Amino acid sequence: MTIRRGSRKGKIAARVSDVQRERLEKLGRERRLIYMTLVLTGLRRGELEALRWRDVDLSDCWLTVPAGKAKNRKAEPLPLRADLVTELKEWHTESGKVDGSVKVFRVPTELVKILDRDLKLDRYPKVDEDGRTIDVHAMRHTTATFLQRGGVAPKTAQRLMRHSDTGGG
C-alpha cells in the first residue's frame, strides 16, 4: 500500500489491516470492472449506474439498458464480449448479489475525478501526445472505434451505441 500524505508520501509502507486491505482490493476490482464495462459496452455513466443484475443475462451474454435511463428512452439489448461475461460472473459471485434488484456496481458520484486519480496513480497521462483525453465519455468513443475496426455495419453500430442519428451522443 502506498502512503498518500505526509513526508513519506509515495513510499510503499502503509500499514493496513487485513480487513481494510481486502476492502480496498475489492474496490479496485470493482473500479477496474466499471472501466472495462464502460469501454466494452459503450454505456453512459448514468446507464451503468442504473444497471441491475436483472438487466444482465450472463448465460446468453447480453445486458439490457433500462429504458428509463437510456438517453433515447428505449430499452436496448447489448451483446457482451466473453471476457467481460467471465469478469461479471466472478464479480457476481464475489459480491454475493443474488437479488436481481441489486445494482451491478456502486458507481461513485465523482467517477470523473476518481478516473483522473486512477490514471495518475497508474502513471497514465490524461492527455496523450496527440491531444486525446481519457475521460469517462471517451470510453464510449473507444467502444465506437472497436465496432468500426471490427467491421460492424454503421447502422448496427449506431443502434448498439444507442444513437438516434449519426451525429453521436
N, C-alpha and C. Protein backbone atom coordinates (compact mmCIF):
# COMPACT_ATOMS: atom_id res chain seq x y z
N MET A 1 0.84 -1.17 0.00
CA MET A 1 0.00 0.00 0.00
C MET A 1 0.89 1.24 0.00
N THR A 2 0.51 2.23 -0.75
CA THR A 2 1.29 3.45 -0.87
C THR A 2 0.78 4.51 0.10
N ILE A 3 1.72 5.17 0.77
CA ILE A 3 1.36 6.25 1.67
C ILE A 3 0.95 7.45 0.83
N ARG A 4 -0.18 8.05 1.14
CA ARG A 4 -0.74 9.14 0.33
C ARG A 4 -0.35 10.53 0.81
N ARG A 5 -0.07 10.70 2.10
CA ARG A 5 0.16 12.05 2.63
C ARG A 5 1.39 12.07 3.52
N GLY A 6 1.89 13.28 3.76
CA GLY A 6 2.98 13.47 4.71
C GLY A 6 4.35 13.33 4.08
N SER A 7 5.34 13.34 4.93
CA SER A 7 6.72 13.32 4.46
C SER A 7 7.09 12.01 3.76
N ARG A 8 6.33 10.94 4.03
CA ARG A 8 6.61 9.64 3.40
C ARG A 8 5.70 9.36 2.20
N LYS A 9 5.03 10.40 1.70
CA LYS A 9 4.11 10.25 0.57
C LYS A 9 4.80 9.53 -0.59
N GLY A 10 4.09 8.55 -1.15
CA GLY A 10 4.59 7.81 -2.30
C GLY A 10 5.38 6.56 -1.95
N LYS A 11 5.76 6.44 -0.71
CA LYS A 11 6.53 5.26 -0.28
C LYS A 11 5.57 4.10 -0.01
N ILE A 12 6.08 2.92 -0.26
CA ILE A 12 5.28 1.73 -0.01
C ILE A 12 5.57 1.27 1.41
N ALA A 13 4.62 1.45 2.28
CA ALA A 13 4.81 1.03 3.67
C ALA A 13 3.58 1.26 4.52
N ALA A 14 2.49 1.65 3.92
CA ALA A 14 1.30 1.91 4.73
C ALA A 14 0.88 0.63 5.44
N ARG A 15 0.57 0.77 6.71
CA ARG A 15 0.09 -0.39 7.48
C ARG A 15 -1.42 -0.42 7.37
N VAL A 16 -1.89 -1.52 6.86
CA VAL A 16 -3.32 -1.67 6.62
C VAL A 16 -3.75 -3.02 7.18
N SER A 17 -4.86 -3.03 7.88
CA SER A 17 -5.36 -4.29 8.43
C SER A 17 -5.79 -5.20 7.28
N ASP A 18 -5.86 -6.48 7.56
CA ASP A 18 -6.29 -7.44 6.53
C ASP A 18 -7.69 -7.12 6.03
N VAL A 19 -8.56 -6.70 6.94
CA VAL A 19 -9.93 -6.36 6.56
C VAL A 19 -9.93 -5.15 5.62
N GLN A 20 -9.15 -4.13 5.97
CA GLN A 20 -9.06 -2.93 5.14
C GLN A 20 -8.44 -3.26 3.78
N ARG A 21 -7.39 -4.08 3.78
CA ARG A 21 -6.74 -4.48 2.52
C ARG A 21 -7.73 -5.20 1.61
N GLU A 22 -8.50 -6.11 2.19
CA GLU A 22 -9.49 -6.85 1.41
C GLU A 22 -10.54 -5.90 0.83
N ARG A 23 -10.99 -4.94 1.65
CA ARG A 23 -11.99 -3.97 1.18
C ARG A 23 -11.44 -3.14 0.03
N LEU A 24 -10.19 -2.69 0.16
CA LEU A 24 -9.57 -1.87 -0.89
C LEU A 24 -9.31 -2.68 -2.16
N GLU A 25 -8.92 -3.93 -2.02
CA GLU A 25 -8.71 -4.77 -3.19
C GLU A 25 -10.02 -4.99 -3.94
N LYS A 26 -11.11 -5.20 -3.19
CA LYS A 26 -12.42 -5.38 -3.82
C LYS A 26 -12.85 -4.09 -4.53
N LEU A 27 -12.59 -2.97 -3.88
CA LEU A 27 -12.91 -1.67 -4.50
C LEU A 27 -12.13 -1.50 -5.80
N GLY A 28 -10.86 -1.89 -5.80
CA GLY A 28 -10.04 -1.81 -7.01
C GLY A 28 -10.56 -2.71 -8.12
N ARG A 29 -10.97 -3.92 -7.76
CA ARG A 29 -11.54 -4.83 -8.77
C ARG A 29 -12.84 -4.26 -9.34
N GLU A 30 -13.67 -3.68 -8.46
CA GLU A 30 -14.93 -3.10 -8.94
C GLU A 30 -14.65 -1.94 -9.89
N ARG A 31 -13.71 -1.10 -9.52
CA ARG A 31 -13.40 0.06 -10.36
C ARG A 31 -12.86 -0.39 -11.72
N ARG A 32 -11.96 -1.39 -11.70
CA ARG A 32 -11.42 -1.93 -12.95
C ARG A 32 -12.55 -2.47 -13.83
N LEU A 33 -13.50 -3.15 -13.22
CA LEU A 33 -14.62 -3.73 -13.97
C LEU A 33 -15.58 -2.64 -14.46
N ILE A 34 -15.72 -1.57 -13.69
CA ILE A 34 -16.52 -0.43 -14.15
C ILE A 34 -15.91 0.12 -15.45
N TYR A 35 -14.61 0.36 -15.44
CA TYR A 35 -13.94 0.91 -16.63
C TYR A 35 -14.04 -0.07 -17.80
N MET A 36 -13.82 -1.35 -17.53
CA MET A 36 -13.89 -2.36 -18.58
C MET A 36 -15.29 -2.39 -19.20
N THR A 37 -16.31 -2.34 -18.34
CA THR A 37 -17.70 -2.37 -18.83
C THR A 37 -18.01 -1.13 -19.66
N LEU A 38 -17.56 0.02 -19.22
CA LEU A 38 -17.79 1.24 -20.00
C LEU A 38 -17.15 1.15 -21.38
N VAL A 39 -15.92 0.67 -21.44
CA VAL A 39 -15.20 0.59 -22.72
C VAL A 39 -15.80 -0.45 -23.64
N LEU A 40 -16.21 -1.60 -23.10
CA LEU A 40 -16.66 -2.70 -23.96
C LEU A 40 -18.15 -2.68 -24.28
N THR A 41 -18.91 -1.80 -23.63
CA THR A 41 -20.35 -1.74 -23.93
C THR A 41 -20.80 -0.40 -24.49
N GLY A 42 -20.04 0.65 -24.24
CA GLY A 42 -20.46 1.98 -24.67
C GLY A 42 -21.53 2.58 -23.79
N LEU A 43 -21.74 2.00 -22.61
CA LEU A 43 -22.74 2.57 -21.70
C LEU A 43 -22.34 3.97 -21.27
N ARG A 44 -23.34 4.80 -21.08
CA ARG A 44 -23.12 6.11 -20.47
C ARG A 44 -23.03 5.91 -18.96
N ARG A 45 -22.48 6.87 -18.27
CA ARG A 45 -22.29 6.76 -16.83
C ARG A 45 -23.61 6.47 -16.11
N GLY A 46 -24.66 7.20 -16.45
CA GLY A 46 -25.96 7.01 -15.82
C GLY A 46 -26.57 5.65 -16.12
N GLU A 47 -26.34 5.15 -17.33
CA GLU A 47 -26.83 3.82 -17.69
C GLU A 47 -26.12 2.75 -16.86
N LEU A 48 -24.81 2.92 -16.70
CA LEU A 48 -24.04 1.97 -15.90
C LEU A 48 -24.50 2.00 -14.45
N GLU A 49 -24.71 3.20 -13.93
CA GLU A 49 -25.12 3.35 -12.53
C GLU A 49 -26.48 2.69 -12.28
N ALA A 50 -27.37 2.74 -13.26
CA ALA A 50 -28.71 2.18 -13.11
C ALA A 50 -28.77 0.67 -13.35
N LEU A 51 -27.71 0.10 -13.88
CA LEU A 51 -27.69 -1.31 -14.26
C LEU A 51 -27.84 -2.22 -13.03
N ARG A 52 -28.82 -3.10 -13.09
CA ARG A 52 -29.08 -4.05 -12.00
C ARG A 52 -28.84 -5.46 -12.55
N TRP A 53 -28.66 -6.39 -11.63
CA TRP A 53 -28.36 -7.76 -12.07
C TRP A 53 -29.48 -8.33 -12.93
N ARG A 54 -30.72 -7.91 -12.74
CA ARG A 54 -31.82 -8.42 -13.58
C ARG A 54 -31.67 -7.97 -15.03
N ASP A 55 -30.86 -6.92 -15.28
CA ASP A 55 -30.63 -6.41 -16.63
C ASP A 55 -29.51 -7.15 -17.35
N VAL A 56 -28.83 -8.04 -16.64
CA VAL A 56 -27.66 -8.73 -17.19
C VAL A 56 -27.96 -10.22 -17.31
N ASP A 57 -27.83 -10.74 -18.53
CA ASP A 57 -28.02 -12.17 -18.76
C ASP A 57 -26.65 -12.77 -19.07
N LEU A 58 -26.01 -13.31 -18.05
CA LEU A 58 -24.65 -13.82 -18.21
C LEU A 58 -24.61 -15.16 -18.93
N SER A 59 -25.73 -15.87 -18.97
CA SER A 59 -25.73 -17.15 -19.68
C SER A 59 -25.85 -16.94 -21.19
N ASP A 60 -26.55 -15.90 -21.61
CA ASP A 60 -26.68 -15.62 -23.05
C ASP A 60 -25.82 -14.44 -23.50
N CYS A 61 -25.03 -13.88 -22.59
CA CYS A 61 -24.07 -12.81 -22.92
C CYS A 61 -24.73 -11.53 -23.43
N TRP A 62 -25.73 -11.05 -22.69
CA TRP A 62 -26.42 -9.81 -23.04
C TRP A 62 -26.65 -8.98 -21.78
N LEU A 63 -26.80 -7.69 -22.00
CA LEU A 63 -27.34 -6.84 -20.96
C LEU A 63 -28.35 -5.93 -21.62
N THR A 64 -29.28 -5.46 -20.84
CA THR A 64 -30.31 -4.57 -21.37
C THR A 64 -30.22 -3.24 -20.66
N VAL A 65 -30.04 -2.19 -21.44
CA VAL A 65 -30.03 -0.84 -20.88
C VAL A 65 -31.46 -0.50 -20.48
N PRO A 66 -31.68 -0.17 -19.21
CA PRO A 66 -33.05 0.16 -18.78
C PRO A 66 -33.60 1.37 -19.54
N ALA A 67 -34.83 1.26 -20.02
CA ALA A 67 -35.43 2.33 -20.82
C ALA A 67 -35.43 3.67 -20.09
N GLY A 68 -35.70 3.66 -18.83
CA GLY A 68 -35.77 4.89 -18.05
C GLY A 68 -34.45 5.62 -17.93
N LYS A 69 -33.35 4.91 -18.15
CA LYS A 69 -32.02 5.53 -18.03
C LYS A 69 -31.34 5.74 -19.37
N ALA A 70 -31.86 5.15 -20.43
CA ALA A 70 -31.27 5.31 -21.76
C ALA A 70 -31.60 6.71 -22.29
N LYS A 71 -30.66 7.30 -22.96
CA LYS A 71 -30.85 8.66 -23.49
C LYS A 71 -32.04 8.71 -24.44
N ASN A 72 -32.21 7.64 -25.25
CA ASN A 72 -33.32 7.60 -26.20
C ASN A 72 -34.60 7.03 -25.60
N ARG A 73 -34.57 6.70 -24.28
CA ARG A 73 -35.72 6.20 -23.52
C ARG A 73 -36.23 4.85 -24.03
N LYS A 74 -35.36 4.09 -24.70
CA LYS A 74 -35.74 2.77 -25.19
C LYS A 74 -34.84 1.73 -24.53
N ALA A 75 -35.45 0.64 -24.06
CA ALA A 75 -34.66 -0.48 -23.54
C ALA A 75 -33.92 -1.09 -24.72
N GLU A 76 -32.64 -1.28 -24.57
CA GLU A 76 -31.83 -1.76 -25.69
C GLU A 76 -30.94 -2.90 -25.24
N PRO A 77 -31.09 -4.07 -25.86
CA PRO A 77 -30.19 -5.18 -25.53
C PRO A 77 -28.82 -4.96 -26.18
N LEU A 78 -27.77 -5.27 -25.43
CA LEU A 78 -26.41 -5.13 -25.93
C LEU A 78 -25.66 -6.45 -25.73
N PRO A 79 -24.97 -6.91 -26.76
CA PRO A 79 -24.18 -8.13 -26.60
C PRO A 79 -22.96 -7.86 -25.72
N LEU A 80 -22.53 -8.88 -25.01
CA LEU A 80 -21.35 -8.77 -24.15
C LEU A 80 -20.25 -9.68 -24.66
N ARG A 81 -19.03 -9.16 -24.64
CA ARG A 81 -17.88 -9.99 -25.01
C ARG A 81 -17.67 -11.07 -23.95
N ALA A 82 -17.12 -12.19 -24.38
CA ALA A 82 -16.92 -13.33 -23.49
C ALA A 82 -16.03 -12.98 -22.30
N ASP A 83 -14.97 -12.18 -22.52
CA ASP A 83 -14.08 -11.83 -21.41
C ASP A 83 -14.81 -10.97 -20.37
N LEU A 84 -15.70 -10.10 -20.81
CA LEU A 84 -16.48 -9.29 -19.88
C LEU A 84 -17.47 -10.17 -19.12
N VAL A 85 -18.08 -11.12 -19.80
CA VAL A 85 -19.01 -12.03 -19.14
C VAL A 85 -18.29 -12.81 -18.04
N THR A 86 -17.10 -13.30 -18.33
CA THR A 86 -16.31 -14.03 -17.33
C THR A 86 -16.06 -13.16 -16.11
N GLU A 87 -15.65 -11.93 -16.35
CA GLU A 87 -15.36 -11.00 -15.24
C GLU A 87 -16.63 -10.68 -14.45
N LEU A 88 -17.75 -10.49 -15.15
CA LEU A 88 -19.01 -10.18 -14.46
C LEU A 88 -19.50 -11.37 -13.64
N LYS A 89 -19.30 -12.57 -14.15
CA LYS A 89 -19.68 -13.76 -13.38
C LYS A 89 -18.88 -13.83 -12.08
N GLU A 90 -17.58 -13.58 -12.18
CA GLU A 90 -16.74 -13.59 -10.98
C GLU A 90 -17.18 -12.50 -10.01
N TRP A 91 -17.49 -11.31 -10.55
CA TRP A 91 -17.92 -10.20 -9.70
C TRP A 91 -19.25 -10.53 -9.01
N HIS A 92 -20.15 -11.13 -9.76
CA HIS A 92 -21.45 -11.51 -9.19
C HIS A 92 -21.26 -12.49 -8.04
N THR A 93 -20.41 -13.48 -8.24
CA THR A 93 -20.13 -14.47 -7.20
C THR A 93 -19.46 -13.82 -6.00
N GLU A 94 -18.43 -13.03 -6.27
CA GLU A 94 -17.69 -12.38 -5.19
C GLU A 94 -18.56 -11.42 -4.39
N SER A 95 -19.45 -10.72 -5.08
CA SER A 95 -20.30 -9.74 -4.41
C SER A 95 -21.41 -10.38 -3.61
N GLY A 96 -21.72 -11.63 -3.93
CA GLY A 96 -22.77 -12.31 -3.21
C GLY A 96 -24.13 -11.71 -3.50
N LYS A 97 -24.28 -11.09 -4.65
CA LYS A 97 -25.53 -10.42 -5.00
C LYS A 97 -26.39 -11.38 -5.82
N VAL A 98 -27.42 -11.88 -5.22
CA VAL A 98 -28.30 -12.80 -5.93
C VAL A 98 -29.62 -12.15 -6.30
N ASP A 99 -29.99 -11.10 -5.61
CA ASP A 99 -31.24 -10.40 -5.87
C ASP A 99 -31.10 -9.57 -7.14
N GLY A 100 -32.01 -9.77 -8.07
CA GLY A 100 -31.95 -9.05 -9.34
C GLY A 100 -32.10 -7.55 -9.23
N SER A 101 -32.65 -7.07 -8.13
CA SER A 101 -32.85 -5.63 -7.99
C SER A 101 -31.59 -4.90 -7.50
N VAL A 102 -30.56 -5.65 -7.13
CA VAL A 102 -29.32 -5.06 -6.63
C VAL A 102 -28.53 -4.51 -7.82
N LYS A 103 -27.95 -3.32 -7.63
CA LYS A 103 -27.13 -2.73 -8.68
C LYS A 103 -25.87 -3.55 -8.90
N VAL A 104 -25.45 -3.62 -10.16
CA VAL A 104 -24.24 -4.37 -10.51
C VAL A 104 -23.01 -3.70 -9.90
N PHE A 105 -22.97 -2.37 -9.95
CA PHE A 105 -21.83 -1.62 -9.44
C PHE A 105 -22.28 -0.48 -8.54
N ARG A 106 -21.41 -0.11 -7.64
CA ARG A 106 -21.59 1.11 -6.86
C ARG A 106 -20.78 2.18 -7.60
N VAL A 107 -21.41 2.84 -8.54
CA VAL A 107 -20.71 3.83 -9.36
C VAL A 107 -20.57 5.11 -8.54
N PRO A 108 -19.33 5.54 -8.30
CA PRO A 108 -19.14 6.75 -7.49
C PRO A 108 -19.68 7.99 -8.17
N THR A 109 -20.24 8.89 -7.37
CA THR A 109 -20.74 10.15 -7.90
C THR A 109 -19.63 10.92 -8.60
N GLU A 110 -18.44 10.87 -8.02
CA GLU A 110 -17.28 11.60 -8.55
C GLU A 110 -16.43 10.71 -9.46
N LEU A 111 -17.07 9.90 -10.32
CA LEU A 111 -16.32 8.96 -11.16
C LEU A 111 -15.29 9.66 -12.04
N VAL A 112 -15.61 10.85 -12.52
CA VAL A 112 -14.68 11.59 -13.38
C VAL A 112 -13.39 11.90 -12.61
N LYS A 113 -13.52 12.39 -11.40
CA LYS A 113 -12.34 12.71 -10.58
C LYS A 113 -11.59 11.45 -10.18
N ILE A 114 -12.33 10.40 -9.88
CA ILE A 114 -11.69 9.14 -9.48
C ILE A 114 -10.90 8.55 -10.64
N LEU A 115 -11.45 8.62 -11.86
CA LEU A 115 -10.71 8.15 -13.03
C LEU A 115 -9.42 8.94 -13.17
N ASP A 116 -9.48 10.26 -13.01
CA ASP A 116 -8.28 11.08 -13.09
C ASP A 116 -7.24 10.63 -12.07
N ARG A 117 -7.69 10.36 -10.85
CA ARG A 117 -6.78 9.89 -9.79
C ARG A 117 -6.18 8.53 -10.14
N ASP A 118 -7.03 7.63 -10.68
CA ASP A 118 -6.56 6.30 -11.04
C ASP A 118 -5.52 6.38 -12.17
N LEU A 119 -5.76 7.25 -13.13
CA LEU A 119 -4.79 7.42 -14.22
C LEU A 119 -3.46 7.91 -13.68
N LYS A 120 -3.52 8.87 -12.78
CA LYS A 120 -2.30 9.43 -12.20
C LYS A 120 -1.56 8.37 -11.38
N LEU A 121 -2.31 7.62 -10.60
CA LEU A 121 -1.72 6.57 -9.77
C LEU A 121 -1.01 5.52 -10.62
N ASP A 122 -1.62 5.16 -11.75
CA ASP A 122 -1.04 4.15 -12.64
C ASP A 122 -0.08 4.76 -13.66
N ARG A 123 0.18 6.05 -13.52
CA ARG A 123 1.12 6.79 -14.37
C ARG A 123 0.71 6.81 -15.85
N TYR A 124 -0.60 6.87 -16.09
CA TYR A 124 -1.12 7.05 -17.45
C TYR A 124 -1.39 8.53 -17.65
N PRO A 125 -0.95 9.09 -18.76
CA PRO A 125 -1.24 10.51 -18.99
C PRO A 125 -2.72 10.70 -19.30
N LYS A 126 -3.32 11.75 -18.76
CA LYS A 126 -4.73 12.06 -19.04
C LYS A 126 -4.89 12.48 -20.51
N VAL A 127 -3.87 13.16 -21.03
CA VAL A 127 -3.88 13.60 -22.42
C VAL A 127 -2.66 12.98 -23.10
N ASP A 128 -2.88 12.31 -24.24
CA ASP A 128 -1.75 11.70 -24.93
C ASP A 128 -1.04 12.68 -25.84
N GLU A 129 -0.01 12.21 -26.52
CA GLU A 129 0.81 13.08 -27.38
C GLU A 129 0.04 13.66 -28.57
N ASP A 130 -1.10 13.06 -28.91
CA ASP A 130 -1.94 13.56 -29.99
C ASP A 130 -3.06 14.48 -29.49
N GLY A 131 -3.04 14.76 -28.18
CA GLY A 131 -4.04 15.66 -27.61
C GLY A 131 -5.36 15.00 -27.25
N ARG A 132 -5.40 13.66 -27.34
CA ARG A 132 -6.63 12.94 -26.99
C ARG A 132 -6.70 12.79 -25.48
N THR A 133 -7.89 13.02 -24.93
CA THR A 133 -8.10 12.99 -23.48
C THR A 133 -8.79 11.70 -23.08
N ILE A 134 -8.33 11.12 -21.98
CA ILE A 134 -9.01 9.96 -21.40
C ILE A 134 -9.98 10.49 -20.35
N ASP A 135 -11.25 10.21 -20.57
CA ASP A 135 -12.26 10.54 -19.58
C ASP A 135 -13.40 9.54 -19.72
N VAL A 136 -14.38 9.64 -18.86
CA VAL A 136 -15.46 8.66 -18.84
C VAL A 136 -16.19 8.63 -20.19
N HIS A 137 -16.50 9.78 -20.76
CA HIS A 137 -17.21 9.79 -22.04
C HIS A 137 -16.34 9.27 -23.18
N ALA A 138 -15.04 9.47 -23.09
CA ALA A 138 -14.13 8.99 -24.13
C ALA A 138 -14.19 7.46 -24.25
N MET A 139 -14.59 6.80 -23.18
CA MET A 139 -14.71 5.34 -23.23
C MET A 139 -15.77 4.92 -24.23
N ARG A 140 -16.83 5.74 -24.38
CA ARG A 140 -17.84 5.46 -25.43
C ARG A 140 -17.22 5.58 -26.81
N HIS A 141 -16.34 6.55 -26.98
CA HIS A 141 -15.67 6.70 -28.28
C HIS A 141 -14.81 5.47 -28.57
N THR A 142 -14.19 4.93 -27.53
CA THR A 142 -13.38 3.72 -27.70
C THR A 142 -14.26 2.56 -28.16
N THR A 143 -15.44 2.44 -27.57
CA THR A 143 -16.39 1.40 -28.00
C THR A 143 -16.72 1.57 -29.47
N ALA A 144 -17.03 2.79 -29.87
CA ALA A 144 -17.37 3.05 -31.28
C ALA A 144 -16.20 2.70 -32.20
N THR A 145 -14.99 3.01 -31.75
CA THR A 145 -13.80 2.67 -32.55
C THR A 145 -13.66 1.16 -32.67
N PHE A 146 -13.87 0.43 -31.57
CA PHE A 146 -13.80 -1.03 -31.63
C PHE A 146 -14.82 -1.59 -32.62
N LEU A 147 -16.03 -1.04 -32.60
CA LEU A 147 -17.08 -1.51 -33.52
C LEU A 147 -16.67 -1.24 -34.97
N GLN A 148 -16.16 -0.04 -35.23
CA GLN A 148 -15.75 0.32 -36.60
C GLN A 148 -14.60 -0.57 -37.07
N ARG A 149 -13.60 -0.74 -36.23
CA ARG A 149 -12.44 -1.57 -36.59
C ARG A 149 -12.80 -3.04 -36.72
N GLY A 150 -13.86 -3.45 -36.02
CA GLY A 150 -14.32 -4.83 -36.11
C GLY A 150 -15.21 -5.08 -37.33
N GLY A 151 -15.42 -4.05 -38.13
CA GLY A 151 -16.21 -4.21 -39.35
C GLY A 151 -17.71 -4.22 -39.14
N VAL A 152 -18.17 -3.72 -38.01
CA VAL A 152 -19.61 -3.66 -37.72
C VAL A 152 -20.23 -2.61 -38.64
N ALA A 153 -21.34 -2.97 -39.27
CA ALA A 153 -22.03 -2.05 -40.18
C ALA A 153 -22.42 -0.78 -39.43
N PRO A 154 -22.28 0.39 -40.07
CA PRO A 154 -22.60 1.66 -39.40
C PRO A 154 -23.98 1.70 -38.77
N LYS A 155 -24.99 1.16 -39.43
CA LYS A 155 -26.35 1.16 -38.89
C LYS A 155 -26.43 0.32 -37.61
N THR A 156 -25.73 -0.80 -37.59
CA THR A 156 -25.71 -1.66 -36.41
C THR A 156 -24.95 -0.96 -35.28
N ALA A 157 -23.82 -0.36 -35.61
CA ALA A 157 -23.04 0.36 -34.60
C ALA A 157 -23.87 1.51 -34.01
N GLN A 158 -24.62 2.19 -34.86
CA GLN A 158 -25.47 3.28 -34.40
C GLN A 158 -26.50 2.77 -33.39
N ARG A 159 -27.08 1.61 -33.66
CA ARG A 159 -28.05 1.02 -32.75
C ARG A 159 -27.38 0.59 -31.44
N LEU A 160 -26.21 -0.05 -31.55
CA LEU A 160 -25.50 -0.52 -30.34
C LEU A 160 -25.05 0.64 -29.46
N MET A 161 -24.74 1.77 -30.09
CA MET A 161 -24.32 2.95 -29.33
C MET A 161 -25.54 3.75 -28.86
N ARG A 162 -26.72 3.33 -29.29
CA ARG A 162 -27.96 3.97 -28.91
C ARG A 162 -28.02 5.42 -29.35
N HIS A 163 -27.62 5.62 -30.61
CA HIS A 163 -27.70 6.95 -31.23
C HIS A 163 -28.96 6.99 -32.07
N SER A 164 -29.69 8.07 -31.96
CA SER A 164 -30.89 8.22 -32.76
C SER A 164 -30.56 8.67 -34.18
N ASP A 165 -29.40 9.26 -34.37
CA ASP A 165 -28.94 9.64 -35.69
C ASP A 165 -27.43 9.43 -35.73
N THR A 166 -26.79 9.74 -36.85
CA THR A 166 -25.36 9.52 -36.98
C THR A 166 -24.53 10.61 -36.33
N GLY A 167 -25.18 11.57 -35.70
CA GLY A 167 -24.46 12.68 -35.07
C GLY A 167 -23.77 12.30 -33.78
N GLY A 168 -24.14 11.18 -33.17
CA GLY A 168 -23.45 10.74 -31.94
C GLY A 168 -24.16 11.23 -30.70
N GLY A 169 -23.49 10.99 -29.55
CA GLY A 169 -24.06 11.47 -28.29
C GLY A 169 -24.11 10.48 -27.23
